Amino acid sequence: MSFLEVILLLVIASICGSIGRAIVGYSHGGCLVSIALGFIGALLGSWIARGLDLPLVFTVTIGNQPFPILWSIIGSALFVAVISLISGRR
């Protein structure tokens, strides 16, 4: 992967993580948290999709690496919901 592909992947993960946080309404953290949530959401969402035998609906391929946009948003929203339930409201 080139440097530009890595930056593009980080931007897409950040957008997916931000959308997942906005869906849940939990807004602690900044850009790095959104990037981490995007990648965790992609892993969690892809794992759920494989477990339920669902297709990868909206996938972007960057440098021969597929990144599931829809499952990343769904996975990050689920992950943020669990985090907000555990930590509670402040």
N, C-alpha and C. Protein backbone atom coordinates (compact mmCIF):
# COMPACT_ATOMS: atom_id res chain seq x y z
N MET A 1 0.84 -1.18 0.00
CA MET A 1 0.00 0.00 0.00
C MET A 1 0.88 1.24 0.00
N SER A 2 0.48 2.20 -0.78
CA SER A 2 1.22 3.45 -0.80
C SER A 2 0.74 4.37 0.32
N PHE A 3 1.47 5.44 0.50
CA PHE A 3 1.14 6.40 1.54
C PHE A 3 -0.23 7.03 1.29
N LEU A 4 -0.53 7.34 0.04
CA LEU A 4 -1.81 7.94 -0.31
C LEU A 4 -2.97 6.98 -0.04
N GLU A 5 -2.78 5.71 -0.30
CA GLU A 5 -3.82 4.72 -0.03
C GLU A 5 -4.09 4.59 1.47
N VAL A 6 -3.04 4.64 2.27
CA VAL A 6 -3.21 4.57 3.73
C VAL A 6 -3.97 5.79 4.24
N ILE A 7 -3.62 6.97 3.74
CA ILE A 7 -4.31 8.20 4.13
C ILE A 7 -5.78 8.14 3.73
N LEU A 8 -6.05 7.65 2.52
CA LEU A 8 -7.42 7.52 2.05
C LEU A 8 -8.21 6.53 2.91
N LEU A 9 -7.59 5.44 3.27
CA LEU A 9 -8.22 4.46 4.14
C LEU A 9 -8.52 5.05 5.51
N LEU A 10 -7.61 5.85 6.07
CA LEU A 10 -7.84 6.50 7.35
C LEU A 10 -8.99 7.51 7.29
N VAL A 11 -9.07 8.23 6.18
CA VAL A 11 -10.16 9.21 6.02
C VAL A 11 -11.51 8.50 5.93
N ILE A 12 -11.58 7.42 5.16
CA ILE A 12 -12.83 6.67 5.03
C ILE A 12 -13.23 6.05 6.36
N ALA A 13 -12.26 5.49 7.10
CA ALA A 13 -12.56 4.92 8.41
C ALA A 13 -13.03 5.99 9.38
N SER A 14 -12.44 7.17 9.30
CA SER A 14 -12.85 8.27 10.17
C SER A 14 -14.29 8.70 9.88
N ILE A 15 -14.64 8.78 8.63
CA ILE A 15 -16.01 9.16 8.26
C ILE A 15 -17.01 8.11 8.73
N CYS A 16 -16.67 6.84 8.54
CA CYS A 16 -17.56 5.75 8.98
C CYS A 16 -17.71 5.75 10.50
N GLY A 17 -16.61 5.95 11.22
CA GLY A 17 -16.68 6.02 12.68
C GLY A 17 -17.48 7.21 13.16
N SER A 18 -17.35 8.34 12.49
CA SER A 18 -18.11 9.54 12.86
C SER A 18 -19.60 9.33 12.63
N ILE A 19 -19.96 8.70 11.53
CA ILE A 19 -21.37 8.43 11.26
C ILE A 19 -21.92 7.46 12.30
N GLY A 20 -21.14 6.44 12.66
CA GLY A 20 -21.57 5.50 13.70
C GLY A 20 -21.78 6.18 15.04
N ARG A 21 -20.87 7.10 15.39
CA ARG A 21 -21.03 7.86 16.65
C ARG A 21 -22.24 8.77 16.59
N ALA A 22 -22.50 9.37 15.43
CA ALA A 22 -23.65 10.27 15.29
C ALA A 22 -24.97 9.50 15.38
N ILE A 23 -25.00 8.29 14.87
CA ILE A 23 -26.21 7.48 14.95
C ILE A 23 -26.57 7.19 16.40
N VAL A 24 -25.56 6.87 17.20
CA VAL A 24 -25.79 6.52 18.60
C VAL A 24 -25.97 7.77 19.45
N GLY A 25 -25.28 8.86 19.09
CA GLY A 25 -25.37 10.08 19.87
C GLY A 25 -24.34 10.18 20.96
N TYR A 26 -23.28 9.45 20.85
CA TYR A 26 -22.20 9.43 21.84
C TYR A 26 -21.01 10.13 21.20
N SER A 27 -20.55 11.23 21.78
CA SER A 27 -19.57 12.05 21.08
C SER A 27 -18.30 12.32 21.87
N HIS A 28 -17.83 11.38 22.65
CA HIS A 28 -16.56 11.57 23.36
C HIS A 28 -15.41 11.18 22.44
N GLY A 29 -14.37 11.98 22.46
CA GLY A 29 -13.21 11.70 21.63
C GLY A 29 -13.19 12.57 20.39
N GLY A 30 -12.11 12.44 19.64
CA GLY A 30 -11.93 13.27 18.46
C GLY A 30 -11.74 12.46 17.21
N CYS A 31 -10.88 12.95 16.35
CA CYS A 31 -10.66 12.34 15.05
C CYS A 31 -10.01 10.95 15.16
N LEU A 32 -9.04 10.82 16.06
CA LEU A 32 -8.38 9.51 16.24
C LEU A 32 -9.36 8.47 16.75
N VAL A 33 -10.28 8.87 17.61
CA VAL A 33 -11.30 7.95 18.10
C VAL A 33 -12.22 7.53 16.96
N SER A 34 -12.55 8.47 16.08
CA SER A 34 -13.39 8.13 14.93
C SER A 34 -12.70 7.14 14.00
N ILE A 35 -11.40 7.34 13.80
CA ILE A 35 -10.64 6.41 12.95
C ILE A 35 -10.64 5.01 13.57
N ALA A 36 -10.36 4.95 14.87
CA ALA A 36 -10.36 3.66 15.56
C ALA A 36 -11.73 3.02 15.51
N LEU A 37 -12.79 3.80 15.71
CA LEU A 37 -14.14 3.26 15.65
C LEU A 37 -14.48 2.76 14.25
N GLY A 38 -13.99 3.44 13.23
CA GLY A 38 -14.23 2.99 11.86
C GLY A 38 -13.60 1.64 11.59
N PHE A 39 -12.36 1.44 12.06
CA PHE A 39 -11.70 0.16 11.85
C PHE A 39 -12.31 -0.94 12.72
N ILE A 40 -12.61 -0.63 13.98
CA ILE A 40 -13.26 -1.61 14.85
C ILE A 40 -14.64 -1.96 14.30
N GLY A 41 -15.35 -0.95 13.82
CA GLY A 41 -16.66 -1.19 13.21
C GLY A 41 -16.57 -2.05 11.97
N ALA A 42 -15.53 -1.86 11.16
CA ALA A 42 -15.35 -2.69 9.97
C ALA A 42 -15.11 -4.14 10.36
N LEU A 43 -14.29 -4.35 11.37
CA LEU A 43 -14.03 -5.72 11.84
C LEU A 43 -15.28 -6.34 12.42
N LEU A 44 -15.96 -5.61 13.30
CA LEU A 44 -17.16 -6.13 13.96
C LEU A 44 -18.29 -6.33 12.96
N GLY A 45 -18.50 -5.36 12.09
CA GLY A 45 -19.58 -5.48 11.11
C GLY A 45 -19.35 -6.60 10.11
N SER A 46 -18.10 -6.76 9.66
CA SER A 46 -17.79 -7.85 8.74
C SER A 46 -17.95 -9.20 9.42
N TRP A 47 -17.57 -9.28 10.68
CA TRP A 47 -17.72 -10.53 11.43
C TRP A 47 -19.20 -10.89 11.58
N ILE A 48 -20.03 -9.90 11.89
CA ILE A 48 -21.47 -10.13 12.02
C ILE A 48 -22.06 -10.53 10.67
N ALA A 49 -21.64 -9.85 9.60
CA ALA A 49 -22.15 -10.18 8.26
C ALA A 49 -21.79 -11.59 7.85
N ARG A 50 -20.54 -12.00 8.14
CA ARG A 50 -20.15 -13.38 7.82
C ARG A 50 -20.91 -14.38 8.67
N GLY A 51 -21.12 -14.06 9.93
CA GLY A 51 -21.84 -14.98 10.82
C GLY A 51 -23.29 -15.17 10.42
N LEU A 52 -23.92 -14.10 9.92
CA LEU A 52 -25.31 -14.18 9.49
C LEU A 52 -25.45 -14.48 8.00
N ASP A 53 -24.31 -14.70 7.32
CA ASP A 53 -24.26 -15.01 5.90
C ASP A 53 -24.91 -13.90 5.06
N LEU A 54 -24.57 -12.65 5.39
CA LEU A 54 -25.06 -11.49 4.66
C LEU A 54 -23.99 -11.00 3.69
N PRO A 55 -24.39 -10.40 2.59
CA PRO A 55 -23.39 -9.93 1.61
C PRO A 55 -22.73 -8.63 2.05
N LEU A 56 -21.54 -8.37 1.51
CA LEU A 56 -20.89 -7.08 1.71
C LEU A 56 -21.48 -6.12 0.69
N VAL A 57 -22.40 -5.29 1.13
CA VAL A 57 -23.22 -4.50 0.23
C VAL A 57 -22.44 -3.37 -0.42
N PHE A 58 -21.81 -2.53 0.34
CA PHE A 58 -21.13 -1.34 -0.19
C PHE A 58 -19.68 -1.40 0.24
N THR A 59 -18.82 -1.89 -0.63
CA THR A 59 -17.41 -2.09 -0.32
C THR A 59 -16.56 -1.25 -1.25
N VAL A 60 -15.57 -0.56 -0.66
CA VAL A 60 -14.62 0.22 -1.43
C VAL A 60 -13.29 -0.51 -1.38
N THR A 61 -12.65 -0.71 -2.54
CA THR A 61 -11.36 -1.38 -2.60
C THR A 61 -10.27 -0.33 -2.73
N ILE A 62 -9.36 -0.33 -1.76
CA ILE A 62 -8.25 0.61 -1.75
C ILE A 62 -6.97 -0.20 -1.68
N GLY A 63 -6.17 -0.14 -2.71
CA GLY A 63 -4.91 -0.88 -2.73
C GLY A 63 -5.08 -2.37 -2.57
N ASN A 64 -6.04 -2.96 -3.27
CA ASN A 64 -6.35 -4.39 -3.21
C ASN A 64 -6.87 -4.83 -1.85
N GLN A 65 -7.28 -3.90 -1.00
CA GLN A 65 -7.86 -4.21 0.30
C GLN A 65 -9.30 -3.73 0.32
N PRO A 66 -10.27 -4.64 0.45
CA PRO A 66 -11.67 -4.19 0.51
C PRO A 66 -11.99 -3.59 1.88
N PHE A 67 -12.75 -2.51 1.88
CA PHE A 67 -13.20 -1.87 3.11
C PHE A 67 -14.71 -1.77 3.06
N PRO A 68 -15.43 -2.51 3.94
CA PRO A 68 -16.89 -2.53 3.90
C PRO A 68 -17.48 -1.28 4.56
N ILE A 69 -17.95 -0.34 3.77
CA ILE A 69 -18.46 0.93 4.28
C ILE A 69 -19.71 0.71 5.14
N LEU A 70 -20.70 0.03 4.61
CA LEU A 70 -21.96 -0.15 5.34
C LEU A 70 -21.76 -0.92 6.64
N TRP A 71 -21.01 -2.01 6.58
CA TRP A 71 -20.79 -2.81 7.79
C TRP A 71 -19.89 -2.09 8.78
N SER A 72 -19.04 -1.21 8.31
CA SER A 72 -18.22 -0.40 9.20
C SER A 72 -19.09 0.57 9.99
N ILE A 73 -20.04 1.19 9.33
CA ILE A 73 -20.95 2.12 10.02
C ILE A 73 -21.82 1.37 11.02
N ILE A 74 -22.38 0.24 10.60
CA ILE A 74 -23.23 -0.55 11.50
C ILE A 74 -22.42 -1.09 12.67
N GLY A 75 -21.23 -1.62 12.40
CA GLY A 75 -20.38 -2.15 13.47
C GLY A 75 -19.92 -1.09 14.44
N SER A 76 -19.56 0.09 13.93
CA SER A 76 -19.13 1.15 14.84
C SER A 76 -20.29 1.68 15.66
N ALA A 77 -21.50 1.73 15.09
CA ALA A 77 -22.66 2.15 15.87
C ALA A 77 -22.96 1.15 16.98
N LEU A 78 -22.86 -0.13 16.68
CA LEU A 78 -23.07 -1.15 17.71
C LEU A 78 -21.99 -1.07 18.79
N PHE A 79 -20.75 -0.89 18.38
CA PHE A 79 -19.65 -0.80 19.34
C PHE A 79 -19.79 0.43 20.23
N VAL A 80 -20.15 1.56 19.64
CA VAL A 80 -20.33 2.78 20.43
C VAL A 80 -21.53 2.65 21.36
N ALA A 81 -22.58 1.97 20.93
CA ALA A 81 -23.74 1.75 21.80
C ALA A 81 -23.35 0.93 23.02
N VAL A 82 -22.55 -0.10 22.81
CA VAL A 82 -22.10 -0.93 23.94
C VAL A 82 -21.19 -0.11 24.86
N ILE A 83 -20.29 0.69 24.29
CA ILE A 83 -19.41 1.53 25.10
C ILE A 83 -20.21 2.53 25.92
N SER A 84 -21.22 3.14 25.31
CA SER A 84 -22.01 4.13 26.04
C SER A 84 -22.85 3.48 27.13
N LEU A 85 -23.30 2.25 26.91
CA LEU A 85 -24.04 1.54 27.97
C LEU A 85 -23.13 1.20 29.14
N ILE A 86 -21.89 0.81 28.84
CA ILE A 86 -20.96 0.44 29.89
C ILE A 86 -20.49 1.66 30.68
N SER A 87 -20.14 2.74 29.96
CA SER A 87 -19.59 3.91 30.66
C SER A 87 -20.67 4.80 31.23
N GLY A 88 -21.86 4.79 30.69
CA GLY A 88 -22.94 5.62 31.19
C GLY A 88 -22.82 7.06 30.72
N ARG A 89 -23.82 7.83 31.01
CA ARG A 89 -23.82 9.25 30.64
C ARG A 89 -23.12 10.06 31.72
N ARG A 90 -22.47 11.14 31.28
CA ARG A 90 -21.78 12.02 32.24
C ARG A 90 -22.56 13.28 32.45
